[in-house]
Amino acid sequence: MAEEKGRCLALIRLRGNVGIRKEYEYVFKLMHLTRKNHVTLLEETKSNLGMIRKIKDYSTWGEVTSETLLLLLERKGKLRGNKTLTNDYVKNELGFSSIAELAQAIYASEINFWKLPNVKPIFRLHPPRKGFRKSIRRPYPNGELGYRGEEINKLLSRMM
């Protein structure tokens, strides 16, 4: 049964491994989010949303815009061997004319970010500038965890 293509989601891990249950640690490992302040891009599918709901008390997520996605790929995109993602690599190896075209394809769910050859499926970010606004142990309006919709873009821009 084919799943419908959905919106592009950014998932940020906010809390670490200390005291975490093994099943949550396993889900984070499946999503390649092994450390705090790591981000990955997902399609909004039923299976991905089920995994996100499982780890909602340790992460935050929302719909990423194409501009934020382009900035993530340009500034923090990495290849295997800790090399930066360049326009030359995208043009020669992936078949896109630029990073902007690649970002648009990922945003439109035409290509799966995780299946790009030699591209790391995560982005390593800094803690947000000027810190988190509220507690990282409470859900979004009163804290930082859980679903935040379009507000994820503001948090990502502060973390790049």
Protein backbone atom coordinates (compact mmCIF):
# COMPACT_ATOMS: atom_id res chain seq x y z
CA MET A 1 0.00 0.00 0.00
CA ALA A 2 1.57 3.28 -1.10
CA GLU A 3 1.58 6.16 1.33
CA GLU A 4 0.68 9.66 0.19
CA LYS A 5 3.43 12.24 0.04
CA GLY A 6 3.10 14.85 2.75
CA ARG A 7 4.65 18.04 3.92
CA CYS A 8 8.27 18.33 4.95
CA LEU A 9 8.78 18.24 8.71
CA ALA A 10 11.83 19.21 10.75
CA LEU A 11 12.38 17.17 13.92
CA ILE A 12 14.76 18.52 16.57
CA ARG A 13 15.99 16.48 19.52
CA LEU A 14 16.06 18.72 22.60
CA ARG A 15 16.83 16.32 25.46
CA GLY A 16 19.69 13.89 25.94
CA ASN A 17 20.06 10.19 26.73
CA VAL A 18 20.18 10.27 30.54
CA GLY A 19 17.21 8.42 32.04
CA ILE A 20 15.55 7.71 28.69
CA ARG A 21 13.63 4.47 28.13
CA LYS A 22 15.15 1.95 25.73
CA GLU A 23 12.21 2.09 23.32
CA TYR A 24 12.55 5.88 22.96
CA GLU A 25 16.30 5.52 22.47
CA TYR A 26 15.59 2.98 19.71
CA VAL A 27 13.21 5.35 17.91
CA PHE A 28 15.78 8.14 18.08
CA LYS A 29 18.37 5.75 16.66
CA LEU A 30 16.05 4.89 13.77
CA MET A 31 15.73 8.60 13.03
CA HIS A 32 19.51 9.15 13.35
CA LEU A 33 18.97 11.61 16.22
CA THR A 34 21.57 10.34 18.67
CA ARG A 35 22.44 13.66 20.37
CA LYS A 36 20.85 16.88 21.53
CA ASN A 37 20.40 19.69 18.99
CA HIS A 38 20.44 17.32 16.01
CA VAL A 39 17.82 17.89 13.32
CA THR A 40 16.44 15.65 10.61
CA LEU A 41 13.93 16.15 7.82
CA LEU A 42 10.96 13.82 7.42
CA GLU A 43 7.93 13.50 5.21
CA GLU A 44 4.61 13.76 6.98
CA THR A 45 3.48 10.14 6.68
CA LYS A 46 1.45 8.01 9.03
CA SER A 47 4.43 5.90 10.11
CA ASN A 48 6.68 8.93 10.71
CA LEU A 49 3.97 10.68 12.74
CA GLY A 50 3.59 7.55 14.87
CA MET A 51 7.31 7.54 15.67
CA ILE A 52 7.23 11.28 16.38
CA ARG A 53 4.33 10.87 18.79
CA LYS A 54 6.36 8.23 20.62
CA ILE A 55 9.23 10.66 21.31
CA LYS A 56 7.19 13.84 21.74
CA ASP A 57 8.49 14.36 25.29
CA TYR A 58 12.09 14.63 24.09
CA SER A 59 11.81 16.57 20.82
CA THR A 60 9.99 19.29 18.93
CA TRP A 61 8.81 19.35 15.31
CA GLY A 62 6.91 21.40 12.76
CA GLU A 63 6.56 22.26 9.08
CA VAL A 64 9.73 23.71 7.65
CA THR A 65 9.58 26.40 4.94
CA SER A 66 11.56 26.15 1.72
CA GLU A 67 13.72 29.16 2.72
CA THR A 68 14.71 27.57 6.03
CA LEU A 69 15.36 24.25 4.28
CA LEU A 70 17.67 25.98 1.80
CA LEU A 71 19.59 27.65 4.65
CA LEU A 72 19.92 24.31 6.48
CA LEU A 73 21.36 22.59 3.41
CA GLU A 74 23.74 25.46 2.56
CA ARG A 75 25.05 26.12 6.06
CA LYS A 76 24.85 22.76 7.82
CA GLY A 77 24.58 20.12 5.08
CA LYS A 78 27.36 17.54 5.37
CA LEU A 79 28.65 14.65 3.30
CA ARG A 80 30.23 11.44 4.61
CA GLY A 81 33.70 12.20 5.87
CA ASN A 82 32.49 15.49 7.42
CA LYS A 83 32.79 17.45 4.17
CA THR A 84 30.41 20.29 3.40
CA LEU A 85 27.63 19.90 0.86
CA THR A 86 28.59 21.93 -2.21
CA ASN A 87 26.93 22.91 -5.46
CA ASP A 88 29.55 20.90 -7.36
CA TYR A 89 28.66 17.70 -5.50
CA VAL A 90 24.93 18.31 -5.96
CA LYS A 91 25.42 18.96 -9.67
CA ASN A 92 27.82 16.09 -10.43
CA GLU A 93 26.60 13.33 -8.11
CA LEU A 94 22.92 14.02 -7.39
CA GLY A 95 21.81 15.42 -10.74
CA PHE A 96 20.38 18.72 -9.51
CA SER A 97 21.62 22.04 -10.84
CA SER A 98 22.12 23.61 -7.38
CA ILE A 99 21.45 23.24 -3.68
CA ALA A 100 18.37 25.44 -4.15
CA GLU A 101 16.88 22.96 -6.62
CA LEU A 102 17.67 20.08 -4.25
CA ALA A 103 15.99 21.95 -1.39
CA GLN A 104 12.89 22.52 -3.52
CA ALA A 105 12.73 18.80 -4.41
CA ILE A 106 13.00 17.79 -0.74
CA TYR A 107 10.38 20.38 0.23
CA ALA A 108 7.95 19.09 -2.41
CA SER A 109 8.59 15.48 -1.22
CA GLU A 110 9.84 14.49 -4.68
CA ILE A 111 12.99 13.01 -3.16
CA ASN A 112 13.61 11.48 0.25
CA PHE A 113 16.36 13.32 2.15
CA TRP A 114 17.47 10.14 3.91
CA LYS A 115 18.12 8.29 0.65
CA LEU A 116 20.56 10.79 -0.88
CA PRO A 117 23.89 9.02 -1.49
CA ASN A 118 26.75 10.09 0.82
CA VAL A 119 24.68 12.92 2.37
CA LYS A 120 24.37 12.74 6.16
CA PRO A 121 20.69 12.48 7.18
CA ILE A 122 21.09 14.92 10.08
CA PHE A 123 22.14 18.48 10.72
CA ARG A 124 24.22 19.30 13.79
CA LEU A 125 23.09 22.63 15.20
CA HIS A 126 24.09 24.87 18.09
CA PRO A 127 21.82 25.56 21.06
CA PRO A 128 19.55 28.51 20.19
CA ARG A 129 20.97 32.01 20.46
CA LYS A 130 19.69 33.74 23.59
CA GLY A 131 18.64 30.34 24.90
CA PHE A 132 15.32 28.54 24.94
CA ARG A 133 12.36 30.77 25.75
CA LYS A 134 10.83 28.37 28.26
CA SER A 135 11.39 24.95 29.85
CA ILE A 136 12.50 22.02 27.70
CA ARG A 137 10.43 19.70 29.91
CA ARG A 138 6.98 21.08 29.08
CA PRO A 139 4.85 20.98 25.90
CA TYR A 140 5.04 23.82 23.39
CA PRO A 141 2.92 26.78 24.40
CA ASN A 142 4.28 26.62 27.96
CA GLY A 143 7.60 25.00 27.05
CA GLU A 144 9.66 23.88 24.08
CA LEU A 145 8.60 20.25 23.45
CA GLY A 146 6.08 18.85 20.99
CA TYR A 147 4.41 20.19 17.85
CA ARG A 148 4.97 23.86 17.08
CA GLY A 149 3.92 24.24 13.44
CA GLU A 150 5.49 27.13 11.52
CA GLU A 151 7.26 28.38 14.66
CA ILE A 152 9.90 25.69 14.10
CA ASN A 153 11.47 27.96 11.49
CA LYS A 154 12.20 30.69 14.05
CA LEU A 155 13.84 28.14 16.37
CA LEU A 156 15.91 26.69 13.51
CA SER A 157 17.13 30.12 12.45
CA ARG A 158 18.27 30.81 16.03
CA MET A 159 20.10 27.46 16.12
CA MET A 160 22.06 27.83 12.83
